[in-house]
């Protein structure tokens, strides 16, 4: 398997919820790494209101996701499908 997708809430404003999301995506990256995967699609799950999303904060959060992926040999791919309503 070359790639997968995970819907962890890594971009949300709430720090505790975001930390939980990062822990979840770390587990997904670990599983993907174990089967030889290299990329993980990471849609901004939990970002329910694009009008209040601070894009600078979103970039900082994506950077943290990239750093996590780098440490595990996985490339997180930011993926948008349109409006996020999860």
C-alpha atoms as a PDB file:
ATOM      1  CA  UNK A   1       0.000   0.000   0.000  1.00  0.00           C
ATOM      2  CA  UNK A   2       1.555   3.251  -1.099  1.00  0.00           C
ATOM      3  CA  UNK A   3      -0.768   5.693   0.671  1.00  0.00           C
ATOM      4  CA  UNK A   4      -3.822   6.002   2.900  1.00  0.00           C
ATOM      5  CA  UNK A   5      -6.124   8.623   4.413  1.00  0.00           C
ATOM      6  CA  UNK A   6      -6.913   9.535   8.002  1.00  0.00           C
ATOM      7  CA  UNK A   7      -9.546  11.884   9.400  1.00  0.00           C
ATOM      8  CA  UNK A   8      -7.807  12.941  12.613  1.00  0.00           C
ATOM      9  CA  UNK A   9      -8.691  16.434  13.854  1.00  0.00           C
ATOM     10  CA  UNK A  10      -5.186  17.910  13.648  1.00  0.00           C
ATOM     11  CA  UNK A  11      -6.246  21.412  12.560  1.00  0.00           C
ATOM     12  CA  UNK A  12      -8.904  22.303  15.164  1.00  0.00           C
ATOM     13  CA  UNK A  13      -8.587  25.308  17.495  1.00  0.00           C
ATOM     14  CA  UNK A  14      -9.083  23.424  20.764  1.00  0.00           C
ATOM     15  CA  UNK A  15      -5.566  22.429  21.985  1.00  0.00           C
ATOM     16  CA  UNK A  16      -6.690  19.240  23.758  1.00  0.00           C
ATOM     17  CA  UNK A  17      -8.742  18.094  20.780  1.00  0.00           C
ATOM     18  CA  UNK A  18      -5.852  18.930  18.417  1.00  0.00           C
ATOM     19  CA  UNK A  19      -3.390  16.976  20.589  1.00  0.00           C
ATOM     20  CA  UNK A  20      -5.720  13.979  20.523  1.00  0.00           C
ATOM     21  CA  UNK A  21      -5.938  14.338  16.742  1.00  0.00           C
ATOM     22  CA  UNK A  22      -2.132  14.378  16.446  1.00  0.00           C
ATOM     23  CA  UNK A  23      -1.903  11.260  18.607  1.00  0.00           C
ATOM     24  CA  UNK A  24      -4.474   9.549  16.381  1.00  0.00           C
ATOM     25  CA  UNK A  25      -2.672  10.501  13.186  1.00  0.00           C
ATOM     26  CA  UNK A  26       0.633   9.347  14.670  1.00  0.00           C
ATOM     27  CA  UNK A  27      -0.898   5.895  15.212  1.00  0.00           C
ATOM     28  CA  UNK A  28      -2.186   5.914  11.637  1.00  0.00           C
ATOM     29  CA  UNK A  29       1.273   6.877  10.349  1.00  0.00           C
ATOM     30  CA  UNK A  30       2.835   4.080  12.381  1.00  0.00           C
ATOM     31  CA  UNK A  31       0.469   1.497  10.924  1.00  0.00           C
ATOM     32  CA  UNK A  32       1.021   2.845   7.417  1.00  0.00           C
ATOM     33  CA  UNK A  33       4.789   2.748   7.887  1.00  0.00           C
ATOM     34  CA  UNK A  34       4.595  -0.889   9.036  1.00  0.00           C
ATOM     35  CA  UNK A  35       3.019  -1.923   5.738  1.00  0.00           C
ATOM     36  CA  UNK A  36       5.380   0.136   3.590  1.00  0.00           C
ATOM     37  CA  UNK A  37       3.217   3.200   2.985  1.00  0.00           C
ATOM     38  CA  UNK A  38       4.821   6.550   2.311  1.00  0.00           C
ATOM     39  CA  UNK A  39       2.021   9.135   2.145  1.00  0.00           C
ATOM     40  CA  UNK A  40      -1.029   9.914   4.258  1.00  0.00           C
ATOM     41  CA  UNK A  41      -3.823  12.158   3.028  1.00  0.00           C
ATOM     42  CA  UNK A  42      -4.771  14.472   5.888  1.00  0.00           C
ATOM     43  CA  UNK A  43      -7.956  16.439   5.226  1.00  0.00           C
ATOM     44  CA  UNK A  44      -8.686  19.222   7.721  1.00  0.00           C
ATOM     45  CA  UNK A  45     -11.224  17.152   9.641  1.00  0.00           C
ATOM     46  CA  UNK A  46     -12.895  19.151  12.359  1.00  0.00           C
ATOM     47  CA  UNK A  47     -12.492  22.521  10.625  1.00  0.00           C
ATOM     48  CA  UNK A  48     -16.218  23.128  10.494  1.00  0.00           C
ATOM     49  CA  UNK A  49     -16.332  26.858   9.856  1.00  0.00           C
ATOM     50  CA  UNK A  50     -13.966  28.114   7.173  1.00  0.00           C
ATOM     51  CA  UNK A  51     -14.962  31.705   7.957  1.00  0.00           C
ATOM     52  CA  UNK A  52     -13.262  31.530  11.356  1.00  0.00           C
ATOM     53  CA  UNK A  53     -10.282  29.400  10.346  1.00  0.00           C
ATOM     54  CA  UNK A  54      -7.078  31.344  10.896  1.00  0.00           C
ATOM     55  CA  UNK A  55      -4.932  30.420   7.900  1.00  0.00           C
ATOM     56  CA  UNK A  56      -1.684  31.316   9.650  1.00  0.00           C
ATOM     57  CA  UNK A  57      -2.570  28.981  12.523  1.00  0.00           C
ATOM     58  CA  UNK A  58      -3.616  26.318  10.026  1.00  0.00           C
ATOM     59  CA  UNK A  59      -0.175  26.619   8.398  1.00  0.00           C
ATOM     60  CA  UNK A  60       1.553  26.251  11.791  1.00  0.00           C
ATOM     61  CA  UNK A  61      -0.546  23.174  12.531  1.00  0.00           C
ATOM     62  CA  UNK A  62       0.200  21.658   9.135  1.00  0.00           C
ATOM     63  CA  UNK A  63       3.904  22.302   9.757  1.00  0.00           C
ATOM     64  CA  UNK A  64       3.628  20.310  13.001  1.00  0.00           C
ATOM     65  CA  UNK A  65       1.977  17.524  11.018  1.00  0.00           C
ATOM     66  CA  UNK A  66       4.797  17.646   8.443  1.00  0.00           C
ATOM     67  CA  UNK A  67       7.415  17.441  11.194  1.00  0.00           C
ATOM     68  CA  UNK A  68       5.658  14.443  12.734  1.00  0.00           C
ATOM     69  CA  UNK A  69       5.511  12.763   9.346  1.00  0.00           C
ATOM     70  CA  UNK A  70       9.169  13.543   8.683  1.00  0.00           C
ATOM     71  CA  UNK A  71      10.142  11.840  11.930  1.00  0.00           C
ATOM     72  CA  UNK A  72       8.231   8.727  10.820  1.00  0.00           C
ATOM     73  CA  UNK A  73       9.102   8.650   7.124  1.00  0.00           C
ATOM     74  CA  UNK A  74       5.550   9.529   6.074  1.00  0.00           C
ATOM     75  CA  UNK A  75       4.501  12.556   3.978  1.00  0.00           C
ATOM     76  CA  UNK A  76       1.197  14.053   5.177  1.00  0.00           C
ATOM     77  CA  UNK A  77      -0.661  15.420   2.174  1.00  0.00           C
ATOM     78  CA  UNK A  78      -3.045  18.257   2.876  1.00  0.00           C
ATOM     79  CA  UNK A  79      -6.239  17.312   1.110  1.00  0.00           C
ATOM     80  CA  UNK A  80      -9.334  19.449   0.622  1.00  0.00           C
ATOM     81  CA  UNK A  81     -12.564  18.088  -0.763  1.00  0.00           C
ATOM     82  CA  UNK A  82     -14.467  21.325  -0.506  1.00  0.00           C
ATOM     83  CA  UNK A  83     -16.495  22.372   2.503  1.00  0.00           C
ATOM     84  CA  UNK A  84     -15.590  20.545   5.704  1.00  0.00           C
ATOM     85  CA  UNK A  85     -18.668  19.589   7.722  1.00  0.00           C
ATOM     86  CA  UNK A  86     -17.468  16.784   9.979  1.00  0.00           C
END
